[in-house]
Amino acid sequence: MMKFPSRLHKSCCYTSVTWHESKALPGVKYATRRISLEQRIELTKRARALSLKQEFLQAGETPEQLEGTLVDLLVRRLYLEWGLAELTGLTIDSQSANVELLIEKGPETLSDEIIADIRSELGLSEDERKNY
């Protein structure tokens, strides 16, 4: 008797976000986006434009260096706006937290943690992280 391999195909399940439990604020959970090719292209273009401006400005005098710091903060905001898909377990001033509220009024320690996870998801090397 011959055995034939099954022709039934197993399906693969992919989720476009990864859930994390906050270490900075116990009880808070957040979902970061898993990057696709198109998203990587778009994010890289946006971050590159800001990073080039930052390099140029930080090479200058004090006012330009302050502008360079501003650009660094704008890149951090870009990562949050792009990469944070959902946030649960946190209220800020009696409002359920979302990306905009986290950026505007939220704890910076949580923002730092989320940005680190987003960068990790993007697979950026240490040198690439310094440039973004």
C-alpha atoms as a PDB file:
ATOM      1  CA  MET A   1       0.000   0.000   0.000  1.00  0.00           C
ATOM      2  CA  MET A   2       1.354   3.424  -0.988  1.00  0.00           C
ATOM      3  CA  LYS A   3       1.053   6.364   1.273  1.00  0.00           C
ATOM      4  CA  PHE A   4       0.499   9.739  -0.278  1.00  0.00           C
ATOM      5  CA  PRO A   5       1.305  12.958   1.497  1.00  0.00           C
ATOM      6  CA  SER A   6      -1.738  14.858   2.603  1.00  0.00           C
ATOM      7  CA  ARG A   7      -2.844  17.549   0.240  1.00  0.00           C
ATOM      8  CA  LEU A   8      -4.454  19.487   3.035  1.00  0.00           C
ATOM      9  CA  HIS A   9      -2.653  22.749   3.528  1.00  0.00           C
ATOM     10  CA  LYS A  10      -2.072  24.048   6.971  1.00  0.00           C
ATOM     11  CA  SER A  11      -2.775  27.724   7.276  1.00  0.00           C
ATOM     12  CA  CYS A  12      -0.532  30.214   8.985  1.00  0.00           C
ATOM     13  CA  CYS A  13      -1.859  32.858  11.326  1.00  0.00           C
ATOM     14  CA  TYR A  14      -0.081  36.206  11.451  1.00  0.00           C
ATOM     15  CA  THR A  15      -0.911  39.095  13.731  1.00  0.00           C
ATOM     16  CA  SER A  16       0.215  42.559  12.773  1.00  0.00           C
ATOM     17  CA  VAL A  17       0.802  43.665  16.379  1.00  0.00           C
ATOM     18  CA  THR A  18       2.786  42.409  19.349  1.00  0.00           C
ATOM     19  CA  TRP A  19       1.420  42.885  22.863  1.00  0.00           C
ATOM     20  CA  HIS A  20       3.695  43.940  25.737  1.00  0.00           C
ATOM     21  CA  GLU A  21       3.189  44.360  29.467  1.00  0.00           C
ATOM     22  CA  SER A  22       4.799  47.537  30.709  1.00  0.00           C
ATOM     23  CA  LYS A  23       7.707  47.205  33.083  1.00  0.00           C
ATOM     24  CA  ALA A  24       7.586  50.925  33.869  1.00  0.00           C
ATOM     25  CA  LEU A  25       3.881  50.945  34.796  1.00  0.00           C
ATOM     26  CA  PRO A  26       2.549  47.584  36.005  1.00  0.00           C
ATOM     27  CA  GLY A  27      -0.962  46.901  34.719  1.00  0.00           C
ATOM     28  CA  VAL A  28      -0.440  48.812  31.493  1.00  0.00           C
ATOM     29  CA  LYS A  29      -0.384  46.830  28.252  1.00  0.00           C
ATOM     30  CA  TYR A  30       0.373  48.108  24.793  1.00  0.00           C
ATOM     31  CA  ALA A  31       0.487  46.748  21.276  1.00  0.00           C
ATOM     32  CA  THR A  32       3.263  47.691  18.871  1.00  0.00           C
ATOM     33  CA  ARG A  33       2.983  47.242  15.130  1.00  0.00           C
ATOM     34  CA  ARG A  34       4.950  44.532  13.363  1.00  0.00           C
ATOM     35  CA  ILE A  35       6.507  46.089  10.330  1.00  0.00           C
ATOM     36  CA  SER A  36       5.713  45.188   6.740  1.00  0.00           C
ATOM     37  CA  LEU A  37       7.878  46.033   3.758  1.00  0.00           C
ATOM     38  CA  GLU A  38       5.730  49.022   2.760  1.00  0.00           C
ATOM     39  CA  GLN A  39       5.656  50.335   6.314  1.00  0.00           C
ATOM     40  CA  ARG A  40       9.439  49.985   6.589  1.00  0.00           C
ATOM     41  CA  ILE A  41       9.896  52.016   3.407  1.00  0.00           C
ATOM     42  CA  GLU A  42       7.558  54.791   4.566  1.00  0.00           C
ATOM     43  CA  LEU A  43       8.930  54.949   8.100  1.00  0.00           C
ATOM     44  CA  THR A  44      12.517  54.959   6.857  1.00  0.00           C
ATOM     45  CA  LYS A  45      11.794  57.858   4.479  1.00  0.00           C
ATOM     46  CA  ARG A  46      10.160  59.916   7.210  1.00  0.00           C
ATOM     47  CA  ALA A  47      12.817  59.167   9.836  1.00  0.00           C
ATOM     48  CA  ARG A  48      15.656  59.723   7.350  1.00  0.00           C
ATOM     49  CA  ALA A  49      14.428  63.196   6.446  1.00  0.00           C
ATOM     50  CA  LEU A  50      14.297  64.162  10.121  1.00  0.00           C
ATOM     51  CA  SER A  51      17.665  62.535  10.873  1.00  0.00           C
ATOM     52  CA  LEU A  52      19.466  64.329   8.056  1.00  0.00           C
ATOM     53  CA  LYS A  53      18.123  67.625   9.347  1.00  0.00           C
ATOM     54  CA  GLN A  54      19.224  66.679  12.867  1.00  0.00           C
ATOM     55  CA  GLU A  55      22.812  65.896  11.793  1.00  0.00           C
ATOM     56  CA  PHE A  56      23.088  69.199   9.964  1.00  0.00           C
ATOM     57  CA  LEU A  57      21.715  71.227  12.870  1.00  0.00           C
ATOM     58  CA  GLN A  58      23.751  69.538  15.605  1.00  0.00           C
ATOM     59  CA  ALA A  59      26.950  70.412  13.759  1.00  0.00           C
ATOM     60  CA  GLY A  60      26.139  74.110  14.133  1.00  0.00           C
ATOM     61  CA  GLU A  61      26.133  76.620  16.944  1.00  0.00           C
ATOM     62  CA  THR A  62      24.001  76.420  20.099  1.00  0.00           C
ATOM     63  CA  PRO A  63      20.683  77.548  18.515  1.00  0.00           C
ATOM     64  CA  GLU A  64      21.107  74.952  15.785  1.00  0.00           C
ATOM     65  CA  GLN A  65      22.011  72.301  18.378  1.00  0.00           C
ATOM     66  CA  LEU A  66      18.767  73.054  20.199  1.00  0.00           C
ATOM     67  CA  GLU A  67      16.965  72.616  16.908  1.00  0.00           C
ATOM     68  CA  GLY A  68      18.778  69.286  16.514  1.00  0.00           C
ATOM     69  CA  THR A  69      17.455  68.197  19.906  1.00  0.00           C
ATOM     70  CA  LEU A  70      13.967  69.152  18.770  1.00  0.00           C
ATOM     71  CA  VAL A  71      14.369  66.991  15.677  1.00  0.00           C
ATOM     72  CA  ASP A  72      15.431  64.054  17.870  1.00  0.00           C
ATOM     73  CA  LEU A  73      12.237  64.480  19.896  1.00  0.00           C
ATOM     74  CA  LEU A  74      10.209  64.636  16.682  1.00  0.00           C
ATOM     75  CA  VAL A  75      11.720  61.321  15.562  1.00  0.00           C
ATOM     76  CA  ARG A  76      10.745  59.798  18.904  1.00  0.00           C
ATOM     77  CA  ARG A  77       7.201  61.083  18.414  1.00  0.00           C
ATOM     78  CA  LEU A  78       7.205  59.619  14.891  1.00  0.00           C
ATOM     79  CA  TYR A  79       8.014  56.188  16.325  1.00  0.00           C
ATOM     80  CA  LEU A  80       5.166  56.433  18.835  1.00  0.00           C
ATOM     81  CA  GLU A  81       2.659  57.674  16.262  1.00  0.00           C
ATOM     82  CA  TRP A  82       3.650  54.980  13.798  1.00  0.00           C
ATOM     83  CA  GLY A  83       4.366  52.055  16.083  1.00  0.00           C
ATOM     84  CA  LEU A  84       1.899  52.206  18.982  1.00  0.00           C
ATOM     85  CA  ALA A  85      -1.287  50.466  17.877  1.00  0.00           C
ATOM     86  CA  GLU A  86      -3.149  50.244  21.192  1.00  0.00           C
ATOM     87  CA  LEU A  87      -2.727  51.113  24.851  1.00  0.00           C
ATOM     88  CA  THR A  88      -4.768  49.672  27.736  1.00  0.00           C
ATOM     89  CA  GLY A  89      -4.778  49.970  31.508  1.00  0.00           C
ATOM     90  CA  LEU A  90      -3.823  53.642  31.646  1.00  0.00           C
ATOM     91  CA  THR A  91      -5.866  56.760  32.243  1.00  0.00           C
ATOM     92  CA  ILE A  92      -4.400  60.235  32.069  1.00  0.00           C
ATOM     93  CA  ASP A  93      -6.383  63.040  33.682  1.00  0.00           C
ATOM     94  CA  SER A  94      -9.455  60.760  33.853  1.00  0.00           C
ATOM     95  CA  GLN A  95      -9.266  59.920  30.117  1.00  0.00           C
ATOM     96  CA  SER A  96      -8.413  56.548  28.610  1.00  0.00           C
ATOM     97  CA  ALA A  97      -4.922  56.906  27.211  1.00  0.00           C
ATOM     98  CA  ASN A  98      -4.250  56.762  23.487  1.00  0.00           C
ATOM     99  CA  VAL A  99      -1.223  57.658  21.381  1.00  0.00           C
ATOM    100  CA  GLU A 100      -1.977  61.374  21.238  1.00  0.00           C
ATOM    101  CA  LEU A 101      -2.680  61.673  24.950  1.00  0.00           C
ATOM    102  CA  LEU A 102       0.436  59.677  25.818  1.00  0.00           C
ATOM    103  CA  ILE A 103       2.554  62.050  23.722  1.00  0.00           C
ATOM    104  CA  GLU A 104       0.843  65.152  25.075  1.00  0.00           C
ATOM    105  CA  LYS A 105       0.541  64.357  28.796  1.00  0.00           C
ATOM    106  CA  GLY A 106       1.745  60.823  29.486  1.00  0.00           C
ATOM    107  CA  PRO A 107       4.675  59.556  31.533  1.00  0.00           C
ATOM    108  CA  GLU A 108       7.911  59.768  29.588  1.00  0.00           C
ATOM    109  CA  THR A 109       9.172  56.532  31.145  1.00  0.00           C
ATOM    110  CA  LEU A 110       6.344  54.664  29.412  1.00  0.00           C
ATOM    111  CA  SER A 111       7.030  56.465  26.131  1.00  0.00           C
ATOM    112  CA  ASP A 112      10.711  55.494  26.387  1.00  0.00           C
ATOM    113  CA  GLU A 113       9.796  51.860  27.014  1.00  0.00           C
ATOM    114  CA  ILE A 114       7.392  51.753  24.068  1.00  0.00           C
ATOM    115  CA  ILE A 115       9.889  53.440  21.737  1.00  0.00           C
ATOM    116  CA  ALA A 116      12.535  50.873  22.731  1.00  0.00           C
ATOM    117  CA  ASP A 117      10.133  48.034  21.889  1.00  0.00           C
ATOM    118  CA  ILE A 118       9.222  49.647  18.562  1.00  0.00           C
ATOM    119  CA  ARG A 119      12.894  50.024  17.652  1.00  0.00           C
ATOM    120  CA  SER A 120      13.454  46.420  18.649  1.00  0.00           C
ATOM    121  CA  GLU A 121      10.573  45.320  16.398  1.00  0.00           C
ATOM    122  CA  LEU A 122      12.100  47.289  13.553  1.00  0.00           C
ATOM    123  CA  GLY A 123      15.335  45.390  14.028  1.00  0.00           C
ATOM    124  CA  LEU A 124      17.483  48.510  14.079  1.00  0.00           C
ATOM    125  CA  SER A 125      21.144  48.049  14.897  1.00  0.00           C
ATOM    126  CA  GLU A 126      22.816  50.264  17.506  1.00  0.00           C
ATOM    127  CA  ASP A 127      24.333  52.485  14.772  1.00  0.00           C
ATOM    128  CA  GLU A 128      20.941  52.831  13.063  1.00  0.00           C
ATOM    129  CA  ARG A 129      19.341  53.750  16.386  1.00  0.00           C
ATOM    130  CA  LYS A 130      21.891  56.532  16.866  1.00  0.00           C
ATOM    131  CA  ASN A 131      20.969  57.904  13.444  1.00  0.00           C
ATOM    132  CA  TYR A 132      17.220  57.912  14.160  1.00  0.00           C
END
